[in-house]
Each structure stands twice: as C-alpha cells, then as structure tokens.
Amino acid sequence: MHPTISAIAVASLIVAGTVIWRSGSPSTDLTLGTAAMPPLQELHTMASVHKLPVQELDDQSFVYSAGKR
C-alpha cells in the first residue's frame, strides 16, 4: 500500500514540475511588459501636464526648541 502511494506522489510531482517548467518563467513576461512602457516625459506630454496650474504651498511647519528642563 505504501509503495503505491509513494509512486503516485512521485508521479504527481514529476507531472507538476514538467507543467511548471514548460509554462515558462513569469519574469520574462514582466520584463516584456515594462519594456513596452513609454518614457515618463512622453506620458506627461500625452496627458498635457504642462497645462495644469502651478500649486503653491505655504510652509506651515513649526520648529520647537528644546527648552531648559
């Protein structure tokens, strides 16, 4: 009984390994996807970022000095 179960488990692992190995590595798919990404400047031009208004921010941070203790 135990050798039969072991043989089935080994066969299952071999089949699973073969399927995963033949499917290819996912890292090549990611590399191809990022290689097709246009440069950032081109994306800004397509989105008309230069037409947006300039936002001015006031610095409202406080600096506290460590007083005498």
N, C-alpha and C. Protein backbone atom coordinates (compact mmCIF):
# COMPACT_ATOMS: atom_id res chain seq x y z
N MET A 1 0.83 -1.20 0.00
CA MET A 1 0.00 0.00 0.00
C MET A 1 0.87 1.26 0.00
N HIS A 2 1.90 1.31 0.87
CA HIS A 2 2.75 2.50 0.96
C HIS A 2 3.57 2.73 -0.31
N PRO A 3 4.11 1.70 -0.96
CA PRO A 3 4.84 1.96 -2.20
C PRO A 3 3.94 2.51 -3.31
N THR A 4 2.69 2.11 -3.33
CA THR A 4 1.76 2.62 -4.34
C THR A 4 1.48 4.10 -4.12
N ILE A 5 1.27 4.50 -2.87
CA ILE A 5 1.02 5.90 -2.54
C ILE A 5 2.25 6.74 -2.86
N SER A 6 3.42 6.21 -2.53
CA SER A 6 4.67 6.92 -2.83
C SER A 6 4.85 7.08 -4.33
N ALA A 7 4.56 6.05 -5.09
CA ALA A 7 4.70 6.12 -6.54
C ALA A 7 3.75 7.15 -7.14
N ILE A 8 2.52 7.21 -6.64
CA ILE A 8 1.55 8.19 -7.13
C ILE A 8 2.01 9.61 -6.78
N ALA A 9 2.54 9.80 -5.57
CA ALA A 9 3.02 11.11 -5.17
C ALA A 9 4.20 11.55 -6.02
N VAL A 10 5.14 10.65 -6.28
CA VAL A 10 6.30 10.98 -7.11
C VAL A 10 5.86 11.31 -8.53
N ALA A 11 4.94 10.53 -9.07
CA ALA A 11 4.44 10.78 -10.43
C ALA A 11 3.74 12.14 -10.50
N SER A 12 2.98 12.47 -9.48
CA SER A 12 2.29 13.76 -9.45
C SER A 12 3.29 14.91 -9.41
N LEU A 13 4.33 14.77 -8.61
CA LEU A 13 5.36 15.80 -8.55
C LEU A 13 6.09 15.97 -9.87
N ILE A 14 6.36 14.87 -10.55
CA ILE A 14 7.04 14.94 -11.85
C ILE A 14 6.15 15.65 -12.87
N VAL A 15 4.87 15.31 -12.89
CA VAL A 15 3.95 15.96 -13.82
C VAL A 15 3.82 17.44 -13.51
N ALA A 16 3.67 17.78 -12.24
CA ALA A 16 3.55 19.19 -11.86
C ALA A 16 4.81 19.97 -12.22
N GLY A 17 5.97 19.39 -11.97
CA GLY A 17 7.23 20.05 -12.30
C GLY A 17 7.38 20.27 -13.79
N THR A 18 6.96 19.28 -14.59
CA THR A 18 7.04 19.40 -16.04
C THR A 18 6.11 20.49 -16.54
N VAL A 19 4.91 20.55 -16.00
CA VAL A 19 3.95 21.58 -16.43
C VAL A 19 4.47 22.97 -16.09
N ILE A 20 4.99 23.14 -14.89
CA ILE A 20 5.51 24.44 -14.47
C ILE A 20 6.73 24.82 -15.30
N TRP A 21 7.60 23.86 -15.57
CA TRP A 21 8.82 24.13 -16.33
C TRP A 21 8.50 24.54 -17.77
N ARG A 22 7.52 23.89 -18.38
CA ARG A 22 7.15 24.18 -19.77
C ARG A 22 6.36 25.47 -19.91
N SER A 23 5.71 25.92 -18.87
CA SER A 23 4.90 27.13 -18.96
C SER A 23 5.76 28.38 -19.09
N GLY A 24 7.04 28.29 -18.77
CA GLY A 24 7.92 29.44 -18.89
C GLY A 24 7.97 30.21 -17.59
N SER A 25 8.99 31.02 -17.45
CA SER A 25 9.12 31.79 -16.23
C SER A 25 8.32 33.08 -16.34
N PRO A 26 7.62 33.49 -15.27
CA PRO A 26 6.83 34.71 -15.32
C PRO A 26 7.70 35.97 -15.37
N SER A 27 8.99 35.86 -15.02
CA SER A 27 9.83 37.05 -15.04
C SER A 27 10.03 37.57 -16.45
N THR A 28 10.03 36.70 -17.46
CA THR A 28 10.17 37.17 -18.84
C THR A 28 8.94 37.94 -19.27
N ASP A 29 7.76 37.55 -18.80
CA ASP A 29 6.54 38.28 -19.13
C ASP A 29 6.57 39.66 -18.51
N LEU A 30 7.05 39.78 -17.29
CA LEU A 30 7.12 41.08 -16.64
C LEU A 30 8.13 41.98 -17.33
N THR A 31 9.24 41.42 -17.77
CA THR A 31 10.26 42.21 -18.45
C THR A 31 9.71 42.76 -19.75
N LEU A 32 8.98 41.96 -20.49
CA LEU A 32 8.41 42.43 -21.75
C LEU A 32 7.37 43.51 -21.51
N GLY A 33 6.61 43.41 -20.44
CA GLY A 33 5.61 44.42 -20.14
C GLY A 33 6.21 45.75 -19.76
N THR A 34 7.29 45.76 -19.02
CA THR A 34 7.90 47.01 -18.62
C THR A 34 8.72 47.61 -19.74
N ALA A 35 9.22 46.79 -20.67
CA ALA A 35 9.99 47.31 -21.79
C ALA A 35 9.10 48.10 -22.74
N ALA A 36 7.81 47.78 -22.78
CA ALA A 36 6.88 48.47 -23.67
C ALA A 36 6.38 49.78 -23.07
N MET A 37 6.74 50.08 -21.86
CA MET A 37 6.28 51.30 -21.18
C MET A 37 6.97 52.52 -21.79
N PRO A 38 6.21 53.54 -22.21
CA PRO A 38 6.84 54.73 -22.78
C PRO A 38 7.58 55.54 -21.71
N PRO A 39 8.51 56.38 -22.11
CA PRO A 39 9.24 57.20 -21.14
C PRO A 39 8.31 58.15 -20.39
N LEU A 40 8.73 58.58 -19.24
CA LEU A 40 7.91 59.44 -18.38
C LEU A 40 7.60 60.78 -19.05
N GLN A 41 8.57 61.36 -19.73
CA GLN A 41 8.34 62.64 -20.41
C GLN A 41 7.25 62.52 -21.46
N GLU A 42 7.24 61.40 -22.18
CA GLU A 42 6.22 61.18 -23.20
C GLU A 42 4.84 61.04 -22.56
N LEU A 43 4.76 60.36 -21.43
CA LEU A 43 3.49 60.25 -20.71
C LEU A 43 2.99 61.61 -20.26
N HIS A 44 3.88 62.45 -19.78
CA HIS A 44 3.50 63.80 -19.35
C HIS A 44 2.98 64.62 -20.52
N THR A 45 3.62 64.47 -21.68
CA THR A 45 3.18 65.19 -22.87
C THR A 45 1.81 64.71 -23.31
N MET A 46 1.59 63.39 -23.31
CA MET A 46 0.29 62.85 -23.73
C MET A 46 -0.82 63.28 -22.77
N ALA A 47 -0.51 63.44 -21.49
CA ALA A 47 -1.53 63.81 -20.51
C ALA A 47 -1.69 65.32 -20.38
N SER A 48 -0.91 66.09 -21.12
CA SER A 48 -0.95 67.57 -21.09
C SER A 48 -0.72 68.10 -19.68
N VAL A 49 0.30 67.59 -19.03
CA VAL A 49 0.62 68.01 -17.67
C VAL A 49 1.04 69.47 -17.63
N HIS A 50 1.64 69.96 -18.72
CA HIS A 50 2.12 71.34 -18.74
C HIS A 50 0.98 72.35 -18.68
N LYS A 51 -0.26 71.92 -18.93
CA LYS A 51 -1.43 72.82 -18.87
C LYS A 51 -1.98 72.96 -17.45
N LEU A 52 -1.54 72.16 -16.53
CA LEU A 52 -2.06 72.23 -15.17
C LEU A 52 -1.53 73.47 -14.46
N PRO A 53 -2.33 74.07 -13.55
CA PRO A 53 -1.85 75.24 -12.82
C PRO A 53 -0.77 74.86 -11.81
N VAL A 54 0.11 75.81 -11.56
CA VAL A 54 1.16 75.60 -10.58
C VAL A 54 0.55 75.77 -9.19
N GLN A 55 0.80 74.83 -8.32
CA GLN A 55 0.25 74.89 -6.98
C GLN A 55 1.30 75.41 -6.03
N GLU A 56 0.94 76.44 -5.29
CA GLU A 56 1.87 76.99 -4.31
C GLU A 56 1.45 76.53 -2.91
N LEU A 57 2.40 76.11 -2.13
CA LEU A 57 2.14 75.63 -0.79
C LEU A 57 2.86 76.53 0.22
N ASP A 58 2.16 76.86 1.29
CA ASP A 58 2.79 77.62 2.37
C ASP A 58 3.42 76.65 3.35
N ASP A 59 4.62 76.99 3.78
CA ASP A 59 5.28 76.17 4.78
C ASP A 59 4.69 76.50 6.14
N GLN A 60 3.96 75.58 6.71
CA GLN A 60 3.30 75.82 7.99
C GLN A 60 3.88 74.93 9.08
N SER A 61 5.13 74.57 8.92
CA SER A 61 5.75 73.72 9.92
C SER A 61 6.30 74.59 11.05
N PHE A 62 6.36 74.04 12.22
CA PHE A 62 6.88 74.74 13.39
C PHE A 62 8.15 74.06 13.85
N VAL A 63 9.06 74.88 14.34
CA VAL A 63 10.28 74.34 14.91
C VAL A 63 10.25 74.70 16.39
N TYR A 64 10.28 73.70 17.23
CA TYR A 64 10.28 73.91 18.67
C TYR A 64 11.68 73.66 19.20
N SER A 65 12.14 74.61 19.97
CA SER A 65 13.45 74.40 20.58
C SER A 65 13.28 73.66 21.90
N ALA A 66 14.26 72.89 22.23
CA ALA A 66 14.22 72.17 23.50
C ALA A 66 14.54 73.17 24.60
N GLY A 67 13.55 73.48 25.40
CA GLY A 67 13.75 74.45 26.48
C GLY A 67 14.54 73.86 27.63
N LYS A 68 14.86 74.70 28.59
CA LYS A 68 15.59 74.23 29.76
C LYS A 68 14.68 73.33 30.57
N ARG A 69 15.25 72.29 31.09
CA ARG A 69 14.45 71.36 31.91
C ARG A 69 14.85 71.40 33.33
